[in-house]
Protein backbone atom coordinates (compact mmCIF):
# COMPACT_ATOMS: atom_id res chain seq x y z
CA UNK A 1 24.75 75.44 62.79
CA UNK A 2 24.81 74.41 66.43
CA UNK A 3 24.36 70.84 67.60
CA UNK A 4 24.01 69.13 70.96
CA UNK A 5 26.02 66.15 69.66
CA UNK A 6 29.76 65.82 70.16
CA UNK A 7 31.55 63.33 67.92
CA UNK A 8 34.07 61.05 69.57
CA UNK A 9 36.89 60.09 67.23
CA UNK A 10 39.27 57.25 67.98
CA UNK A 11 42.08 56.19 65.67
CA UNK A 12 43.40 52.66 66.07
CA UNK A 13 46.08 51.46 63.67
CA UNK A 14 45.60 47.92 62.37
CA UNK A 15 47.74 46.89 59.45
CA UNK A 16 46.17 45.51 56.28
CA UNK A 17 42.62 45.44 57.64
CA UNK A 18 39.69 47.79 57.20
CA UNK A 19 37.53 48.56 60.22
CA UNK A 20 33.93 49.49 59.51
CA UNK A 21 32.54 52.45 61.43
CA UNK A 22 29.17 52.79 63.09
CA UNK A 23 27.77 55.74 64.99
CA UNK A 24 25.42 55.98 67.95
CA UNK A 25 23.99 58.95 69.81
CA UNK A 26 22.94 59.55 73.39
CA UNK A 27 19.19 60.12 73.73
CA UNK A 28 19.35 62.17 76.94
CA UNK A 29 19.35 65.96 76.95
CA UNK A 30 22.59 67.88 76.62
CA UNK A 31 24.14 68.59 79.99
CA UNK A 32 22.16 65.85 81.78
CA UNK A 33 23.73 63.72 84.49
CA UNK A 34 23.43 60.72 82.18
CA UNK A 35 25.40 62.53 79.45
CA UNK A 36 28.10 63.60 81.89
CA UNK A 37 28.42 60.07 83.29
CA UNK A 38 28.52 58.57 79.79
CA UNK A 39 31.33 60.93 78.73
CA UNK A 40 33.30 60.21 81.91
CA UNK A 41 32.88 56.45 81.34
CA UNK A 42 33.98 56.67 77.70
CA UNK A 43 37.07 58.72 78.58
CA UNK A 44 38.05 56.28 81.32
CA UNK A 45 37.60 53.24 79.07
CA UNK A 46 39.61 54.83 76.22
CA UNK A 47 42.40 55.92 78.59
CA UNK A 48 42.68 52.37 79.96
CA UNK A 49 42.80 50.60 76.59
CA UNK A 50 46.00 48.72 75.92
CA UNK A 51 46.48 49.41 72.20
CA UNK A 52 49.30 46.85 71.99
CA UNK A 53 46.85 44.03 72.69
CA UNK A 54 44.75 44.70 69.55
CA UNK A 55 46.38 42.62 66.80
CA UNK A 56 43.42 42.56 64.39
CA UNK A 57 39.94 43.89 63.59
CA UNK A 58 38.14 41.00 65.32
CA UNK A 59 39.89 41.71 68.61
CA UNK A 60 39.07 45.40 68.25
CA UNK A 61 35.37 44.56 67.71
CA UNK A 62 35.35 42.46 70.90
CA UNK A 63 37.02 45.22 72.91
CA UNK A 64 34.68 47.91 71.59
CA UNK A 65 31.63 45.76 72.25
């Protein structure tokens, strides 16, 4: 089946801690300017994350928020 949703998967290694997962979706129509801007923003934020500064799950939660 076809879907207008694209999952974004990020793997962050944190030793000895379990990170709970939540999912959200974008309410705007596929191909909208809002969707394109959202995707560009997410890519930029992920690219600029310093993974070495995430020592535990609490820090990860703060960064993701």
